[in-house]
Amino acid sequence: MSLSLFDDFQLKDVTMRNRIAVSPMCMYSSEDGFPTDWHLVHLGSRAVGGAGLVIVEATAVSRDGRISPADSGIYTDDHIEPFARIARFMQQHGAVSGIQIAHAGRKASSKKSWEGGAHIDTSDGGWETIAPSAIAFGGKLDKVPNAMTLDDIARVKQDFVAAAERSLAAGFQWLQVHFAHGYLAHEFYSPLSNTRTDQYGGSFENRIRFMMETFEAVREVWPQRLPLTVRLSVTDWVKGGVTLEESIELIRRLKSAGLDMIDVSHGMIVPDHSNVPAEPGFMIPDAARIRRDVDIATTTSWMINSPEQAERAIQKEQLDMVTLGRAMLRDPYWPCHAAEKLGTAKASDLLPIQYARAV
């Protein structure tokens, strides 16, 4: 019997009510890292809408690791309780509560996306950025970062560990470490942004060292009973950048170090995205290959919009769950509408009683 989008999905000791996850998506609506009422309503409504897992947006492990001044953060103990309120609400309404922890690297100190996303000058409230090498991202993000010292690297790894511990204290059941989209960890991984000549640059072994050490340190403090996942840009789409074959080997090593699931993503290490084959579900084939070759639980997002498309990916065992971004922004009740369209589950079973009586 083939799997369905609305089958339960168990990973470690956590069971999702279906195989639909809400992707971590930046809202640029925080205040000094603190989530606001916006986040409670935004994330809570996706839980009420029937998703099996809801992941809080990229949440900075340090103040200078934020993409923008309005980014989510979990770099002080004071952040714990506001996030705990959100985690509790999501769980009360049937969703597994997840959070993604991140450091923006050379893409930090930027304006909100709807304000153009350019770097903010230090004289206007911006801050100095750090990266593996003193190479600017380019385009609107033209600030040259400070090349990280070994002390900087040690400090940031500890920031990830502390963020994981705070995430656990806040009651999150699912942790994702952000190693994608041109942010700090990806900057170490890609030869396009890493020209170091020490143990953190050059060869594949050296370029993955920051990721591996950071992941292993987080794994030590995150309970084995709870899922620990990674979002990884598996290809840069640019000659001389990260390749799928390299990423398959990296994922094998992460699995050996305790990775429970890989969220397959791509690119954003350079401003030019013209080589990206943007079409519905374009990352599913790569995710399916990784799932097969590495034998690890796998998900992806990227233009997965229709229930039929999502159902096919699960039925064909290309993915273990689908992760939805823009589709969930357009429709918080996507899971309920998908259940009605596919006829494989009852929308009323996904909704709280206050709403279910009206279906």
Protein backbone atom coordinates (compact mmCIF):
# COMPACT_ATOMS: atom_id res chain seq x y z
CA MET A 1 0.00 0.00 0.00
CA SER A 2 1.48 3.34 -1.05
CA LEU A 3 2.05 6.19 1.34
CA SER A 4 -0.18 9.25 1.41
CA LEU A 5 0.34 12.90 2.20
CA PHE A 6 -2.04 12.43 5.13
CA ASP A 7 -0.33 9.44 6.69
CA ASP A 8 1.39 9.98 10.02
CA PHE A 9 5.15 10.53 9.89
CA GLN A 10 7.33 9.52 12.82
CA LEU A 11 10.90 10.76 13.22
CA LYS A 12 12.62 9.74 16.43
CA ASP A 13 10.04 10.15 19.24
CA VAL A 14 8.04 12.81 17.38
CA THR A 15 4.99 11.95 15.28
CA MET A 16 3.46 14.37 12.78
CA ARG A 17 -0.26 14.02 12.07
CA ASN A 18 0.49 14.27 8.33
CA ARG A 19 3.45 14.82 6.02
CA ILE A 20 2.93 18.55 5.49
CA ALA A 21 5.40 21.04 6.97
CA VAL A 22 5.43 24.82 6.97
CA SER A 23 8.81 26.06 5.77
CA PRO A 24 10.76 28.55 7.90
CA MET A 25 10.07 31.91 6.26
CA CYS A 26 11.43 35.26 7.42
CA MET A 27 8.74 37.70 8.50
CA TYR A 28 11.03 40.66 9.33
CA SER A 29 8.67 41.50 12.18
CA SER A 30 10.74 40.93 15.33
CA GLU A 31 12.02 43.48 17.81
CA ASP A 32 15.63 42.88 18.96
CA GLY A 33 15.10 39.22 18.11
CA PHE A 34 11.89 38.88 20.12
CA PRO A 35 8.92 37.30 18.35
CA THR A 36 5.79 39.45 18.46
CA ASP A 37 2.05 38.93 18.32
CA TRP A 38 2.51 38.73 14.55
CA HIS A 39 4.47 35.49 14.96
CA LEU A 40 1.94 33.98 17.33
CA VAL A 41 -0.88 34.59 14.85
CA HIS A 42 1.15 33.77 11.72
CA LEU A 43 2.59 30.50 13.01
CA GLY A 44 -0.41 29.61 15.12
CA SER A 45 -2.79 29.94 12.18
CA ARG A 46 -0.77 27.40 10.18
CA ALA A 47 -1.03 24.97 13.09
CA VAL A 48 -4.78 25.60 13.31
CA GLY A 49 -4.91 25.12 9.53
CA GLY A 50 -3.81 21.50 9.77
CA ALA A 51 -0.06 21.38 9.09
CA GLY A 52 1.82 18.50 10.68
CA LEU A 53 4.92 20.57 11.42
CA VAL A 54 5.42 24.34 11.65
CA ILE A 55 8.99 25.66 11.66
CA VAL A 56 9.81 29.11 12.99
CA GLU A 57 11.74 31.29 10.56
CA ALA A 58 15.55 31.57 10.46
CA THR A 59 16.28 32.58 14.04
CA ALA A 60 19.65 34.17 14.64
CA VAL A 61 22.10 32.63 17.06
CA SER A 62 23.67 36.03 17.74
CA ARG A 63 22.71 39.67 17.36
CA ASP A 64 25.20 40.21 14.54
CA GLY A 65 23.97 37.00 12.86
CA ARG A 66 20.59 38.51 12.00
CA ILE A 67 19.79 39.14 8.36
CA SER A 68 18.08 42.39 9.31
CA PRO A 69 17.40 44.35 12.51
CA ALA A 70 13.85 42.94 12.37
CA ASP A 71 14.94 39.29 12.34
CA SER A 72 13.97 36.62 14.80
CA GLY A 73 16.66 35.73 17.32
CA ILE A 74 17.33 33.38 20.19
CA TYR A 75 20.61 34.80 21.48
CA THR A 76 19.54 35.70 25.02
CA ASP A 77 17.66 33.78 27.70
CA ASP A 78 14.99 36.47 27.62
CA HIS A 79 13.96 35.20 24.18
CA ILE A 80 12.98 31.79 25.55
CA GLU A 81 9.55 32.53 27.02
CA PRO A 82 8.12 34.44 24.01
CA PHE A 83 9.08 31.49 21.82
CA ALA A 84 7.74 29.03 24.39
CA ARG A 85 4.33 30.70 24.13
CA ILE A 86 4.33 30.10 20.37
CA ALA A 87 5.57 26.50 20.68
CA ARG A 88 2.87 25.71 23.23
CA PHE A 89 0.14 27.13 21.03
CA MET A 90 1.26 25.16 17.97
CA GLN A 91 1.37 21.94 19.95
CA GLN A 92 -2.04 22.58 21.51
CA HIS A 93 -3.47 22.67 18.00
CA GLY A 94 -1.89 19.48 16.77
CA ALA A 95 1.28 20.65 15.03
CA VAL A 96 4.82 19.65 15.89
CA SER A 97 6.73 22.81 16.84
CA GLY A 98 10.03 23.41 15.07
CA ILE A 99 12.60 26.19 14.87
CA GLN A 100 15.46 26.92 12.49
CA ILE A 101 18.66 28.44 13.93
CA ALA A 102 20.96 30.45 11.70
CA HIS A 103 23.75 32.96 11.20
CA ALA A 104 23.55 35.24 8.15
CA GLY A 105 27.29 35.78 7.70
CA ARG A 106 28.09 38.33 4.99
CA LYS A 107 24.38 38.74 4.18
CA ALA A 108 23.68 40.20 7.63
CA SER A 109 22.97 43.87 8.41
CA SER A 110 20.45 44.20 5.58
CA LYS A 111 17.20 46.03 5.12
CA LYS A 112 13.89 44.17 5.10
CA SER A 113 13.09 42.49 1.80
CA TRP A 114 10.24 44.92 1.06
CA GLU A 115 12.64 47.81 1.69
CA GLY A 116 14.98 46.55 -1.03
CA GLY A 117 17.20 44.23 1.02
CA ALA A 118 20.40 46.28 0.60
CA HIS A 119 23.07 46.42 3.26
CA ILE A 120 22.54 48.98 6.01
CA ASP A 121 25.45 51.32 6.59
CA THR A 122 26.94 51.23 10.08
CA SER A 123 26.15 54.95 10.42
CA ASP A 124 22.47 54.14 9.87
CA GLY A 125 22.07 51.32 12.39
CA GLY A 126 23.88 48.56 10.52
CA TRP A 127 26.79 46.53 11.84
CA GLU A 128 30.03 44.94 10.71
CA THR A 129 29.59 41.50 9.18
CA ILE A 130 31.73 38.37 9.32
CA ALA A 131 32.37 35.57 6.83
CA PRO A 132 35.01 32.94 6.06
CA SER A 133 36.73 35.37 3.68
CA ALA A 134 36.65 39.12 3.09
CA ILE A 135 34.54 38.81 -0.07
CA ALA A 136 31.30 40.77 -0.51
CA PHE A 137 28.20 38.92 -1.70
CA GLY A 138 27.68 41.49 -4.45
CA GLY A 139 24.75 43.32 -5.93
CA LYS A 140 22.86 45.23 -3.26
CA LEU A 141 24.84 43.40 -0.57
CA ASP A 142 28.15 45.12 -1.24
CA LYS A 143 29.52 45.36 2.31
CA VAL A 144 32.88 43.57 2.59
CA PRO A 145 32.78 41.25 5.62
CA ASN A 146 35.58 40.76 8.10
CA ALA A 147 37.35 37.44 7.55
CA MET A 148 36.74 35.30 10.62
CA THR A 149 39.57 34.47 12.99
CA LEU A 150 39.76 31.07 14.65
CA ASP A 151 38.41 32.71 17.79
CA ASP A 152 35.43 34.02 15.78
CA ILE A 153 34.77 30.52 14.47
CA ALA A 154 34.86 29.04 17.97
CA ARG A 155 32.53 31.76 19.25
CA VAL A 156 29.94 31.26 16.51
CA LYS A 157 29.93 27.49 16.99
CA GLN A 158 29.19 28.08 20.66
CA ASP A 159 26.43 30.52 19.68
CA PHE A 160 24.75 27.69 17.74
CA VAL A 161 25.04 25.41 20.76
CA ALA A 162 23.52 28.03 23.08
CA ALA A 163 20.71 28.68 20.59
CA ALA A 164 19.94 24.95 20.46
CA GLU A 165 19.82 24.80 24.26
CA ARG A 166 17.45 27.79 24.38
CA SER A 167 15.28 26.22 21.69
CA LEU A 168 14.97 23.11 23.83
CA ALA A 169 14.16 25.21 26.89
CA ALA A 170 11.42 26.92 24.89
CA GLY A 171 9.80 23.54 24.27
CA PHE A 172 10.49 23.08 20.58
CA GLN A 173 10.26 19.47 19.42
CA TRP A 174 12.15 19.81 16.14
CA LEU A 175 15.41 21.65 15.43
CA GLN A 176 16.72 22.64 12.02
CA VAL A 177 20.23 24.05 11.53
CA HIS A 178 20.44 26.45 8.58
CA PHE A 179 23.35 25.50 6.31
CA ALA A 180 21.85 26.97 3.12
CA HIS A 181 21.01 30.04 1.06
CA GLY A 182 24.37 31.79 1.10
CA TYR A 183 24.43 32.33 4.85
CA LEU A 184 27.44 31.69 7.06
CA ALA A 185 27.73 27.89 7.01
CA HIS A 186 27.10 27.79 3.26
CA GLU A 187 29.76 30.50 2.84
CA PHE A 188 32.29 28.13 4.40
CA TYR A 189 31.12 25.26 2.17
CA SER A 190 31.20 27.03 -1.19
CA PRO A 191 34.51 27.73 -2.99
CA LEU A 192 32.79 30.82 -4.40
CA SER A 193 32.85 32.49 -0.97
CA ASN A 194 35.65 30.67 0.86
CA THR A 195 39.24 31.38 -0.17
CA ARG A 196 40.82 30.57 3.20
CA THR A 197 44.19 28.82 3.30
CA ASP A 198 43.89 27.35 6.80
CA GLN A 199 42.04 24.26 8.03
CA TYR A 200 38.66 25.84 7.17
CA GLY A 201 39.34 26.48 3.48
CA GLY A 202 40.57 24.92 0.25
CA SER A 203 39.79 21.19 0.09
CA PHE A 204 36.36 19.65 0.49
CA GLU A 205 37.44 18.28 3.87
CA ASN A 206 38.37 21.76 5.05
CA ARG A 207 35.35 23.57 3.58
CA ILE A 208 32.90 21.28 5.39
CA ARG A 209 34.80 21.50 8.69
CA PHE A 210 32.76 24.42 10.07
CA MET A 211 29.49 22.66 9.25
CA MET A 212 30.58 19.34 10.68
CA GLU A 213 31.99 20.80 13.89
CA THR A 214 28.95 23.02 14.40
CA PHE A 215 26.53 20.17 13.75
CA GLU A 216 28.40 17.79 16.04
CA ALA A 217 28.42 20.38 18.82
CA VAL A 218 24.67 20.94 18.47
CA ARG A 219 24.06 17.19 18.36
CA GLU A 220 25.72 16.88 21.78
CA VAL A 221 23.15 19.16 23.43
CA TRP A 222 20.03 18.34 21.40
CA PRO A 223 18.27 15.22 22.76
CA GLN A 224 18.57 12.05 20.71
CA ARG A 225 14.83 11.51 21.08
CA LEU A 226 14.04 14.69 19.13
CA PRO A 227 14.65 15.27 15.40
CA LEU A 228 17.77 17.22 14.45
CA THR A 229 17.67 18.30 10.82
CA VAL A 230 19.68 20.45 8.42
CA ARG A 231 18.67 22.67 5.52
CA LEU A 232 21.44 22.50 2.94
CA SER A 233 22.07 24.18 -0.39
CA VAL A 234 23.11 21.06 -2.31
CA THR A 235 24.14 22.94 -5.45
CA ASP A 236 25.17 26.51 -6.23
CA TRP A 237 24.04 26.37 -9.89
CA VAL A 238 27.34 28.11 -10.74
CA LYS A 239 30.54 26.68 -12.25
CA GLY A 240 33.14 26.31 -9.54
CA GLY A 241 30.55 26.16 -6.77
CA VAL A 242 29.04 23.40 -4.65
CA THR A 243 27.96 20.28 -6.57
CA LEU A 244 25.30 17.69 -5.85
CA GLU A 245 27.92 14.93 -5.71
CA GLU A 246 29.86 16.79 -3.00
CA SER A 247 26.66 17.38 -1.06
CA ILE A 248 25.72 13.71 -1.15
CA GLU A 249 29.06 12.91 0.51
CA LEU A 250 28.54 15.73 3.04
CA ILE A 251 25.07 14.44 3.91
CA ARG A 252 26.49 10.94 4.41
CA ARG A 253 28.92 12.37 6.94
CA LEU A 254 26.23 14.41 8.66
CA LYS A 255 24.09 11.27 8.90
CA SER A 256 26.98 9.43 10.54
CA ALA A 257 27.23 12.33 13.00
CA GLY A 258 23.54 12.02 13.93
CA LEU A 259 21.52 13.85 11.27
CA ASP A 260 17.90 12.70 11.26
CA MET A 261 16.56 14.45 8.13
CA ILE A 262 17.88 16.60 5.31
CA ASP A 263 15.89 19.53 3.91
CA VAL A 264 17.18 19.80 0.34
CA SER A 265 17.58 23.36 -0.87
CA HIS A 266 19.83 25.22 -3.28
CA GLY A 267 21.83 28.25 -4.32
CA MET A 268 21.77 31.89 -3.22
CA ILE A 269 25.53 32.06 -2.72
CA VAL A 270 25.79 34.66 -5.53
CA PRO A 271 23.33 37.34 -6.70
CA ASP A 272 22.78 35.79 -10.15
CA HIS A 273 20.03 33.13 -10.12
CA SER A 274 19.65 32.89 -13.89
CA ASN A 275 20.83 29.26 -13.99
CA VAL A 276 18.17 28.01 -11.58
CA PRO A 277 15.63 25.81 -13.45
CA ALA A 278 12.66 27.38 -11.70
CA GLU A 279 9.68 25.15 -12.48
CA PRO A 280 7.19 23.34 -10.27
CA GLY A 281 8.95 20.98 -7.87
CA PHE A 282 12.36 21.48 -9.48
CA MET A 283 14.27 20.27 -6.40
CA ILE A 284 12.30 17.02 -6.01
CA PRO A 285 14.54 14.93 -8.34
CA ASP A 286 17.70 15.91 -6.43
CA ALA A 287 15.97 15.26 -3.12
CA ALA A 288 14.81 11.84 -4.36
CA ARG A 289 18.36 10.94 -5.38
CA ILE A 290 19.72 11.98 -1.99
CA ARG A 291 17.01 9.97 -0.23
CA ARG A 292 17.94 6.91 -2.27
CA ASP A 293 21.75 7.26 -2.24
CA VAL A 294 22.15 8.26 1.41
CA ASP A 295 19.13 6.39 2.82
CA ILE A 296 18.01 9.29 4.98
CA ALA A 297 14.66 10.94 5.64
CA THR A 298 14.32 13.76 3.12
CA THR A 299 12.18 16.77 2.36
CA THR A 300 12.27 19.76 0.05
CA SER A 301 10.16 22.73 -0.92
CA TRP A 302 10.53 25.05 -3.95
CA MET A 303 7.40 25.49 -6.02
CA ILE A 304 5.47 22.58 -4.58
CA ASN A 305 2.02 24.09 -4.85
CA SER A 306 -0.71 21.61 -5.75
CA PRO A 307 -1.99 18.78 -3.53
CA GLU A 308 -1.61 16.36 -6.44
CA GLN A 309 2.06 17.26 -6.87
CA ALA A 310 2.73 16.84 -3.16
CA GLU A 311 0.83 13.53 -3.03
CA ARG A 312 2.80 12.12 -5.98
CA ALA A 313 6.13 12.94 -4.31
CA ILE A 314 5.04 11.03 -1.18
CA GLN A 315 3.46 8.11 -3.05
CA LYS A 316 6.56 7.64 -5.21
CA GLU A 317 8.70 7.81 -2.06
CA GLN A 318 10.69 10.70 -3.47
CA LEU A 319 10.14 12.60 -0.20
CA ASP A 320 9.18 11.68 3.34
CA MET A 321 7.34 14.96 3.82
CA VAL A 322 6.71 18.10 1.76
CA THR A 323 7.74 21.51 3.03
CA LEU A 324 5.58 24.38 1.82
CA GLY A 325 6.47 28.06 1.75
CA ARG A 326 4.60 30.47 -0.50
CA ALA A 327 1.68 28.05 -0.81
CA MET A 328 1.21 28.34 2.96
CA LEU A 329 1.47 32.13 2.86
CA ARG A 330 -1.31 32.21 0.31
CA ASP A 331 -3.46 29.71 2.19
CA PRO A 332 -2.97 28.87 5.90
CA TYR A 333 -5.58 26.13 5.43
CA TRP A 334 -3.75 24.45 2.55
CA PRO A 335 -3.77 21.06 4.36
CA CYS A 336 -7.55 21.18 4.82
CA HIS A 337 -8.15 22.16 1.21
CA ALA A 338 -5.70 19.47 0.06
CA ALA A 339 -7.57 16.86 2.10
CA GLU A 340 -10.84 17.86 0.44
CA LYS A 341 -9.31 17.82 -3.04
CA LEU A 342 -7.50 14.49 -2.67
CA GLY A 343 -10.24 12.81 -0.69
CA THR A 344 -7.68 10.99 1.46
CA ALA A 345 -8.54 12.71 4.75
CA LYS A 346 -11.32 14.76 6.31
CA ALA A 347 -10.72 18.48 6.61
CA SER A 348 -12.79 18.46 9.79
CA ASP A 349 -10.28 16.07 11.40
CA LEU A 350 -7.50 18.64 10.93
CA LEU A 351 -9.35 21.61 12.40
CA PRO A 352 -10.02 22.64 16.01
CA ILE A 353 -13.59 22.04 17.13
CA GLN A 354 -14.33 25.75 16.92
CA TYR A 355 -13.89 25.51 13.13
CA ALA A 356 -14.58 21.84 12.40
CA ARG A 357 -18.28 22.20 13.15
CA ALA A 358 -18.57 24.56 10.16
CA VAL A 359 -17.00 22.16 7.63
